C-alpha atoms as a PDB file:
ATOM      1  CA  MET A   1      -0.014   0.335  -0.236  1.00  0.00           C
ATOM      2  CA  CYS A   2       3.073   2.376   0.239  1.00  0.00           C
ATOM      3  CA  ARG A   3       4.250   5.076   2.274  1.00  0.00           C
ATOM      4  CA  HIS A   4       4.951   8.635   1.107  1.00  0.00           C
ATOM      5  CA  LEU A   5       5.805  12.129   2.552  1.00  0.00           C
ATOM      6  CA  GLY A   6       5.806  15.918   1.013  1.00  0.00           C
ATOM      7  CA  TYR A   7       7.498  18.643   2.233  1.00  0.00           C
ATOM      8  CA  LEU A   8       7.884  22.652   1.916  1.00  0.00           C
ATOM      9  CA  GLY A   9       9.790  25.163   3.462  1.00  0.00           C
ATOM     10  CA  PRO A  10      13.411  26.264   4.018  1.00  0.00           C
ATOM     11  CA  PRO A  11      15.942  23.789   2.691  1.00  0.00           C
ATOM     12  CA  VAL A  12      16.603  20.661   4.482  1.00  0.00           C
ATOM     13  CA  PRO A  13      18.690  17.616   3.658  1.00  0.00           C
ATOM     14  CA  LEU A  14      16.801  14.662   2.450  1.00  0.00           C
ATOM     15  CA  SER A  15      18.016  12.817   5.315  1.00  0.00           C
ATOM     16  CA  SER A  16      16.377  14.868   7.614  1.00  0.00           C
ATOM     17  CA  LEU A  17      13.124  13.369   5.855  1.00  0.00           C
ATOM     18  CA  LEU A  18      14.159   9.919   4.531  1.00  0.00           C
ATOM     19  CA  LEU A  19      16.606   8.203   7.594  1.00  0.00           C
ATOM     20  CA  ASP A  20      16.757  10.726  10.468  1.00  0.00           C
ATOM     21  CA  PRO A  21      13.662  11.038  12.379  1.00  0.00           C
ATOM     22  CA  PRO A  22      12.423   8.296  14.947  1.00  0.00           C
ATOM     23  CA  HIS A  23       9.950   7.176  12.283  1.00  0.00           C
ATOM     24  CA  ALA A  24      11.633   8.050   8.870  1.00  0.00           C
ATOM     25  CA  LEU A  25      10.168   6.572   5.803  1.00  0.00           C
ATOM     26  CA  VAL A  26      13.228   4.021   5.855  1.00  0.00           C
ATOM     27  CA  THR A  27      11.583   2.633   8.925  1.00  0.00           C
ATOM     28  CA  GLN A  28       8.078   2.978   7.663  1.00  0.00           C
ATOM     29  CA  ALA A  29       9.225   0.689   5.077  1.00  0.00           C
ATOM     30  CA  TRP A  30      10.429  -2.116   6.830  1.00  0.00           C
ATOM     31  CA  ALA A  31       8.193  -1.180   9.977  1.00  0.00           C
ATOM     32  CA  PRO A  32       5.421   0.730   9.048  1.00  0.00           C
ATOM     33  CA  ARG A  33       2.481   1.849  11.903  1.00  0.00           C
ATOM     34  CA  ASP A  34      -1.169   2.135  10.202  1.00  0.00           C
ATOM     35  CA  MET A  35      -1.149   0.201   7.040  1.00  0.00           C
ATOM     36  CA  ARG A  36      -4.597  -0.812   7.767  1.00  0.00           C
ATOM     37  CA  GLY A  37      -4.651  -4.188   6.469  1.00  0.00           C
ATOM     38  CA  GLY A  38      -2.797  -3.548   2.898  1.00  0.00           C
ATOM     39  CA  GLY A  39       0.605  -5.644   3.589  1.00  0.00           C
ATOM     40  CA  THR A  40       2.918  -5.754   6.194  1.00  0.00           C
ATOM     41  CA  ILE A  41       6.039  -4.185   4.869  1.00  0.00           C
ATOM     42  CA  ASN A  42       7.320  -1.733   1.658  1.00  0.00           C
ATOM     43  CA  ALA A  43       9.910  -3.202   0.564  1.00  0.00           C
ATOM     44  CA  ASP A  44       9.194  -3.009  -3.104  1.00  0.00           C
ATOM     45  CA  GLY A  45      11.049  -0.166  -4.733  1.00  0.00           C
ATOM     46  CA  PHE A  46      11.365   3.521  -3.407  1.00  0.00           C
ATOM     47  CA  GLY A  47      11.920   7.228  -5.196  1.00  0.00           C
ATOM     48  CA  VAL A  48      12.532  10.669  -4.223  1.00  0.00           C
ATOM     49  CA  GLY A  49      12.443  13.708  -6.075  1.00  0.00           C
ATOM     50  CA  TRP A  50      13.312  17.347  -5.105  1.00  0.00           C
ATOM     51  CA  TRP A  51      14.224  20.959  -6.505  1.00  0.00           C
ATOM     52  CA  PRO A  52      17.696  21.881  -6.594  1.00  0.00           C
ATOM     53  CA  PRO A  53      17.935  25.512  -5.787  1.00  0.00           C
ATOM     54  CA  GLY A  54      16.731  27.876  -8.667  1.00  0.00           C
ATOM     55  CA  ALA A  55      15.823  24.984 -10.653  1.00  0.00           C
ATOM     56  CA  ALA A  56      12.505  25.026 -12.745  1.00  0.00           C
ATOM     57  CA  GLU A  57      11.537  21.286 -12.497  1.00  0.00           C
ATOM     58  CA  PRO A  58      12.661  18.573  -9.754  1.00  0.00           C
ATOM     59  CA  VAL A  59      15.244  15.792 -10.124  1.00  0.00           C
ATOM     60  CA  ARG A  60      14.167  12.132  -9.248  1.00  0.00           C
ATOM     61  CA  TYR A  61      16.202   9.031  -7.895  1.00  0.00           C
ATOM     62  CA  ARG A  62      14.485   5.708  -7.881  1.00  0.00           C
ATOM     63  CA  SER A  63      14.936   2.124  -7.188  1.00  0.00           C
ATOM     64  CA  ALA A  64      13.213  -0.780  -7.522  1.00  0.00           C
ATOM     65  CA  MET A  65      14.947  -1.984  -4.221  1.00  0.00           C
ATOM     66  CA  PRO A  66      14.223  -1.736  -0.588  1.00  0.00           C
ATOM     67  CA  ILE A  67      15.280   1.672   0.365  1.00  0.00           C
ATOM     68  CA  TRP A  68      17.271   0.287   3.291  1.00  0.00           C
ATOM     69  CA  THR A  69      19.434  -1.735   0.737  1.00  0.00           C
ATOM     70  CA  ASP A  70      20.603   1.163  -1.253  1.00  0.00           C
ATOM     71  CA  ALA A  71      24.208   1.895  -0.203  1.00  0.00           C
ATOM     72  CA  ALA A  72      24.501   5.219  -2.056  1.00  0.00           C
ATOM     73  CA  LEU A  73      21.375   6.721  -0.694  1.00  0.00           C
ATOM     74  CA  PRO A  74      22.400   7.764   2.927  1.00  0.00           C
ATOM     75  CA  SER A  75      25.319   9.810   1.570  1.00  0.00           C
ATOM     76  CA  LEU A  76      23.514  11.487  -1.531  1.00  0.00           C
ATOM     77  CA  ALA A  77      20.566  12.187   0.944  1.00  0.00           C
ATOM     78  CA  ALA A  78      23.047  13.797   3.679  1.00  0.00           C
ATOM     79  CA  ALA A  79      24.355  15.947   0.907  1.00  0.00           C
ATOM     80  CA  THR A  80      21.565  17.125  -0.992  1.00  0.00           C
ATOM     81  CA  ARG A  81      19.400  20.047   0.693  1.00  0.00           C
ATOM     82  CA  SER A  82      16.038  21.248  -0.809  1.00  0.00           C
ATOM     83  CA  GLY A  83      13.002  23.191   0.019  1.00  0.00           C
ATOM     84  CA  ALA A  84      10.725  21.155  -2.015  1.00  0.00           C
ATOM     85  CA  VAL A  85      10.459  17.323  -1.765  1.00  0.00           C
ATOM     86  CA  LEU A  86       8.188  14.209  -2.419  1.00  0.00           C
ATOM     87  CA  ALA A  87       9.404  10.645  -1.536  1.00  0.00           C
ATOM     88  CA  ALA A  88       8.118   7.296  -1.295  1.00  0.00           C
ATOM     89  CA  VAL A  89       8.621   3.934  -0.341  1.00  0.00           C
ATOM     90  CA  ARG A  90       6.513   1.125  -2.094  1.00  0.00           C
ATOM     91  CA  SER A  91       4.550  -2.033  -1.542  1.00  0.00           C
ATOM     92  CA  ALA A  92       3.363  -3.532  -4.638  1.00  0.00           C
ATOM     93  CA  THR A  93      -0.441  -4.807  -5.506  1.00  0.00           C
ATOM     94  CA  VAL A  94      -0.187  -8.512  -5.537  1.00  0.00           C
ATOM     95  CA  GLY A  95       0.517  -9.326  -9.287  1.00  0.00           C
ATOM     96  CA  LEU A  96       1.783  -5.797 -10.342  1.00  0.00           C
ATOM     97  CA  PRO A  97       5.580  -5.843 -11.556  1.00  0.00           C
ATOM     98  CA  VAL A  98       8.455  -4.574  -8.699  1.00  0.00           C
ATOM     99  CA  VAL A  99      10.428  -2.212 -11.478  1.00  0.00           C
ATOM    100  CA  GLU A 100      12.165   0.725 -10.770  1.00  0.00           C
ATOM    101  CA  THR A 101       9.630   2.831 -13.125  1.00  0.00           C
ATOM    102  CA  ALA A 102       6.894   1.866 -10.765  1.00  0.00           C
ATOM    103  CA  ALA A 103       8.075   3.443  -7.920  1.00  0.00           C
ATOM    104  CA  ALA A 104       7.114   6.808  -7.268  1.00  0.00           C
ATOM    105  CA  PRO A 105       7.029   9.424  -7.767  1.00  0.00           C
ATOM    106  CA  PHE A 106       5.855   9.827 -11.448  1.00  0.00           C
ATOM    107  CA  THR A 107       6.768  13.355 -12.835  1.00  0.00           C
ATOM    108  CA  ASP A 108       5.859  15.184 -16.043  1.00  0.00           C
ATOM    109  CA  GLY A 109       7.922  18.661 -16.325  1.00  0.00           C
ATOM    110  CA  ARG A 110       7.179  20.801 -12.990  1.00  0.00           C
ATOM    111  CA  TRP A 111       4.893  17.848 -11.341  1.00  0.00           C
ATOM    112  CA  LEU A 112       5.515  15.009  -8.873  1.00  0.00           C
ATOM    113  CA  PHE A 113       3.142  12.666  -8.078  1.00  0.00           C
ATOM    114  CA  SER A 114       2.674   9.486  -5.525  1.00  0.00           C
ATOM    115  CA  HIS A 115      -0.193   7.737  -4.986  1.00  0.00           C
ATOM    116  CA  ASN A 116      -0.610   5.048  -1.515  1.00  0.00           C
ATOM    117  CA  GLY A 117      -3.479   2.895  -1.657  1.00  0.00           C
ATOM    118  CA  VAL A 118      -5.313   0.411  -4.541  1.00  0.00           C
ATOM    119  CA  VAL A 119      -7.341   0.624  -7.207  1.00  0.00           C
ATOM    120  CA  ARG A 120      -9.703  -1.794  -6.595  1.00  0.00           C
ATOM    121  CA  GLY A 121     -10.708  -4.024 -10.139  1.00  0.00           C
ATOM    122  CA  TRP A 122      -7.729  -2.578 -11.500  1.00  0.00           C
ATOM    123  CA  PRO A 123      -7.460  -2.446 -14.959  1.00  0.00           C
ATOM    124  CA  SER A 124     -10.896  -3.095 -15.868  1.00  0.00           C
ATOM    125  CA  ALA A 125     -12.540  -1.003 -13.300  1.00  0.00           C
ATOM    126  CA  VAL A 126     -11.301   2.095 -14.940  1.00  0.00           C
ATOM    127  CA  ALA A 127     -11.208   1.305 -18.303  1.00  0.00           C
ATOM    128  CA  GLY A 128     -13.899   3.499 -19.177  1.00  0.00           C
ATOM    129  CA  LEU A 129     -12.090   6.277 -17.372  1.00  0.00           C
ATOM    130  CA  ALA A 130      -8.895   5.125 -19.381  1.00  0.00           C
ATOM    131  CA  GLY A 131     -10.410   5.046 -22.804  1.00  0.00           C
ATOM    132  CA  GLU A 132     -10.926   9.026 -22.643  1.00  0.00           C
ATOM    133  CA  LEU A 133      -6.737   9.405 -22.651  1.00  0.00           C
ATOM    134  CA  PRO A 134      -4.468   9.617 -25.896  1.00  0.00           C
ATOM    135  CA  VAL A 135      -3.798   6.336 -26.881  1.00  0.00           C
ATOM    136  CA  GLU A 136      -0.218   7.761 -26.900  1.00  0.00           C
ATOM    137  CA  ASP A 137      -0.479   8.351 -22.964  1.00  0.00           C
ATOM    138  CA  LEU A 138      -1.604   4.861 -22.258  1.00  0.00           C
ATOM    139  CA  LEU A 139       1.452   3.726 -24.473  1.00  0.00           C
ATOM    140  CA  THR A 140       4.013   5.639 -22.753  1.00  0.00           C
ATOM    141  CA  MET A 141       3.060   4.904 -18.987  1.00  0.00           C
ATOM    142  CA  ASP A 142       5.853   4.374 -16.493  1.00  0.00           C
ATOM    143  CA  ALA A 143       4.650   1.133 -15.649  1.00  0.00           C
ATOM    144  CA  PRO A 144       1.793  -1.390 -16.271  1.00  0.00           C
ATOM    145  CA  THR A 145       0.278  -0.211 -12.784  1.00  0.00           C
ATOM    146  CA  ASP A 146      -2.683   1.415 -10.973  1.00  0.00           C
ATOM    147  CA  SER A 147      -0.767   4.014  -9.309  1.00  0.00           C
ATOM    148  CA  ALA A 148       0.686   4.709 -12.926  1.00  0.00           C
ATOM    149  CA  THR A 149      -3.014   4.650 -14.592  1.00  0.00           C
ATOM    150  CA  LEU A 150      -3.982   7.375 -11.760  1.00  0.00           C
ATOM    151  CA  TRP A 151      -0.999   9.394 -12.580  1.00  0.00           C
ATOM    152  CA  ALA A 152      -2.174   9.537 -16.367  1.00  0.00           C
ATOM    153  CA  LEU A 153      -5.540  10.461 -15.754  1.00  0.00           C
ATOM    154  CA  LEU A 154      -4.363  13.194 -13.200  1.00  0.00           C
ATOM    155  CA  ARG A 155      -1.494  14.169 -15.917  1.00  0.00           C
ATOM    156  CA  ALA A 156      -4.504  14.930 -18.618  1.00  0.00           C
ATOM    157  CA  ARG A 157      -6.517  16.942 -16.244  1.00  0.00           C
ATOM    158  CA  LEU A 158      -3.359  19.092 -15.607  1.00  0.00           C
ATOM    159  CA  ARG A 159      -2.478  19.315 -19.004  1.00  0.00           C
ATOM    160  CA  ALA A 160      -6.006  20.788 -19.913  1.00  0.00           C
ATOM    161  CA  GLY A 161      -5.640  23.538 -18.021  1.00  0.00           C
ATOM    162  CA  GLU A 162      -7.463  22.229 -14.576  1.00  0.00           C
ATOM    163  CA  PRO A 163      -6.375  23.902 -11.323  1.00  0.00           C
ATOM    164  CA  ALA A 164      -4.416  21.219  -9.615  1.00  0.00           C
ATOM    165  CA  PRO A 165      -6.421  21.025  -6.366  1.00  0.00           C
ATOM    166  CA  LYS A 166     -10.064  20.546  -8.492  1.00  0.00           C
ATOM    167  CA  ALA A 167      -8.035  17.749 -10.599  1.00  0.00           C
ATOM    168  CA  VAL A 168      -7.075  15.759  -7.571  1.00  0.00           C
ATOM    169  CA  ALA A 169     -10.325  15.754  -6.134  1.00  0.00           C
ATOM    170  CA  ALA A 170     -12.483  14.977  -8.888  1.00  0.00           C
ATOM    171  CA  LEU A 171     -10.041  12.234  -9.706  1.00  0.00           C
ATOM    172  CA  VAL A 172     -10.438  10.587  -6.369  1.00  0.00           C
ATOM    173  CA  VAL A 173     -14.435  11.285  -7.215  1.00  0.00           C
ATOM    174  CA  ASP A 174     -14.501   9.788 -10.322  1.00  0.00           C
ATOM    175  CA  VAL A 175     -11.981   6.857  -9.569  1.00  0.00           C
ATOM    176  CA  ALA A 176     -14.136   5.691  -6.305  1.00  0.00           C
ATOM    177  CA  ALA A 177     -17.256   5.732  -8.105  1.00  0.00           C
ATOM    178  CA  ALA A 178     -15.785   3.339 -10.744  1.00  0.00           C
ATOM    179  CA  ALA A 179     -14.005   1.244  -8.320  1.00  0.00           C
ATOM    180  CA  PRO A 180     -15.635   1.330  -5.469  1.00  0.00           C
ATOM    181  CA  GLY A 181     -13.340   0.090  -2.073  1.00  0.00           C
ATOM    182  CA  SER A 182     -10.581   1.828  -3.659  1.00  0.00           C
ATOM    183  CA  ARG A 183      -7.972   3.408  -1.304  1.00  0.00           C
ATOM    184  CA  LEU A 184      -6.648   6.641  -3.006  1.00  0.00           C
ATOM    185  CA  ASN A 185      -4.429   8.802  -0.925  1.00  0.00           C
ATOM    186  CA  LEU A 186      -2.404  10.776  -3.671  1.00  0.00           C
ATOM    187  CA  LEU A 187      -0.082  13.339  -3.320  1.00  0.00           C
ATOM    188  CA  LEU A 188       0.989  15.737  -5.796  1.00  0.00           C
ATOM    189  CA  THR A 189       3.389  18.870  -5.744  1.00  0.00           C
ATOM    190  CA  ASP A 190       4.890  21.444  -8.195  1.00  0.00           C
ATOM    191  CA  GLY A 191       7.402  22.605  -5.734  1.00  0.00           C
ATOM    192  CA  THR A 192       5.401  25.589  -4.689  1.00  0.00           C
ATOM    193  CA  GLN A 193       1.942  23.836  -3.116  1.00  0.00           C
ATOM    194  CA  LEU A 194       1.307  20.392  -1.800  1.00  0.00           C
ATOM    195  CA  ILE A 195      -1.870  18.983  -2.955  1.00  0.00           C
ATOM    196  CA  ALA A 196      -3.010  15.411  -1.032  1.00  0.00           C
ATOM    197  CA  THR A 197      -6.034  13.253  -0.371  1.00  0.00           C
ATOM    198  CA  ALA A 198      -7.217  11.174   2.856  1.00  0.00           C
ATOM    199  CA  HIS A 199      -9.348   8.307   0.790  1.00  0.00           C
ATOM    200  CA  GLY A 200      -9.349   4.949   2.682  1.00  0.00           C
ATOM    201  CA  HIS A 201      -6.047   5.338   4.081  1.00  0.00           C
ATOM    202  CA  ALA A 202      -4.195   6.978   7.165  1.00  0.00           C
ATOM    203  CA  LEU A 203      -2.776  10.771   6.602  1.00  0.00           C
ATOM    204  CA  SER A 204      -1.086  13.507   8.784  1.00  0.00           C
ATOM    205  CA  VAL A 205       0.283  16.800   8.430  1.00  0.00           C
ATOM    206  CA  HIS A 206       2.881  18.763  10.623  1.00  0.00           C
ATOM    207  CA  ALA A 207       2.443  22.773   9.976  1.00  0.00           C
ATOM    208  CA  GLY A 208       5.276  24.530  11.305  1.00  0.00           C
ATOM    209  CA  ARG A 209       6.660  28.353  10.788  1.00  0.00           C
ATOM    210  CA  GLY A 210       7.371  28.663   7.144  1.00  0.00           C
ATOM    211  CA  SER A 211       7.006  24.870   6.820  1.00  0.00           C
ATOM    212  CA  VAL A 212       4.576  22.277   6.194  1.00  0.00           C
ATOM    213  CA  LEU A 213       5.263  18.016   6.282  1.00  0.00           C
ATOM    214  CA  ILE A 214       2.595  15.288   5.048  1.00  0.00           C
ATOM    215  CA  GLY A 215       3.249  11.962   5.300  1.00  0.00           C
ATOM    216  CA  SER A 216       1.261   8.698   5.412  1.00  0.00           C
ATOM    217  CA  GLU A 217       2.775   8.369   9.132  1.00  0.00           C
ATOM    218  CA  PRO A 218       4.305  11.164  11.374  1.00  0.00           C
ATOM    219  CA  LEU A 219       8.030  10.726  11.356  1.00  0.00           C
ATOM    220  CA  ASP A 220       8.193  11.476  15.178  1.00  0.00           C
ATOM    221  CA  ALA A 221       6.520  12.252  18.578  1.00  0.00           C
ATOM    222  CA  SER A 222       5.779  15.651  18.491  1.00  0.00           C
ATOM    223  CA  PRO A 223       2.011  16.728  19.327  1.00  0.00           C
ATOM    224  CA  ALA A 224       2.315  18.850  16.019  1.00  0.00           C
ATOM    225  CA  TRP A 225       1.208  16.166  13.653  1.00  0.00           C
ATOM    226  CA  GLN A 226      -2.656  16.244  13.253  1.00  0.00           C
ATOM    227  CA  PRO A 227      -4.159  13.110  11.341  1.00  0.00           C
ATOM    228  CA  VAL A 228      -6.186  14.104   8.331  1.00  0.00           C
ATOM    229  CA  PRO A 229     -10.001  13.040   8.174  1.00  0.00           C
ATOM    230  CA  ASP A 230     -10.625  10.322   5.568  1.00  0.00           C
ATOM    231  CA  GLY A 231     -12.314  11.781   2.383  1.00  0.00           C
ATOM    232  CA  HIS A 232     -10.366  15.175   2.845  1.00  0.00           C
ATOM    233  CA  LEU A 233      -8.509  17.434   0.494  1.00  0.00           C
ATOM    234  CA  VAL A 234      -5.342  18.921   1.609  1.00  0.00           C
ATOM    235  CA  VAL A 235      -4.007  21.840  -0.044  1.00  0.00           C
ATOM    236  CA  ALA A 236      -0.833  23.278   1.413  1.00  0.00           C
ATOM    237  CA  THR A 237       2.274  25.953   0.853  1.00  0.00           C
ATOM    238  CA  ALA A 238       5.166  26.492   3.281  1.00  0.00           C
ATOM    239  CA  THR A 239       2.755  29.453   4.973  1.00  0.00           C
ATOM    240  CA  ALA A 240      -0.673  27.906   4.429  1.00  0.00           C
ATOM    241  CA  LEU A 241      -2.947  24.973   4.953  1.00  0.00           C
ATOM    242  CA  GLU A 242      -6.411  24.152   3.753  1.00  0.00           C
ATOM    243  CA  MET A 243      -8.487  21.058   4.601  1.00  0.00           C
ATOM    244  CA  THR A 244     -11.930  20.558   2.626  1.00  0.00           C
ATOM    245  CA  PRO A 245     -13.913  17.162   2.029  1.00  0.00           C
ATOM    246  CA  THR A 246     -13.574  15.398  -1.256  1.00  0.00           C
ATOM    247  CA  LEU A 247     -17.118  13.851  -1.177  1.00  0.00           C
END
């Protein structure tokens, strides 16, 4: 079912999100606390995307390996600082491929995207929605997975000029109607805003002075972490946070 997080604020080392906290993403990979029946471990790859200072588009690093086995990651994460980060560890749905290209974040231009959950009945359940996409979008998906399909559907809305919060909320509504019982925790960022949904799975937010952190699970025991109610959309910048119902 995966775990993911997004950060906006003053530049910090990637290690302060991925590796260092008591319940960092690397710990959530092998000892998650709130999978809600969606597996027990997140060992089917990982990815992190970030904006270097002054960059218009993000850099991405992905692997099909468990995050704790990547010998290059600790030094890379300690030496790399960013004020906008999206990262995820993957627990593959049974029957779907374990390959680098199936790991979030997915990207297009300035966007980074992650999905924590499952689309019930994929692919047939969302064939009608996917049938509205250009054939080229379907042929060039990163991987034959439910998460990559969600990204193709969301990307088409963004390319059509739909505002990102509206596009994310509408996609959750459409997919939930087509595939009841799906878990649709989505996370999207363009480096200036974070847009997230809590739909069938855990999500928490930590808003500080000039920073915001959204994650599947809190990274530490700080009382500033607040759970996001199920069925809600979060739209955040480094200095503002809004939660509204999606359904």
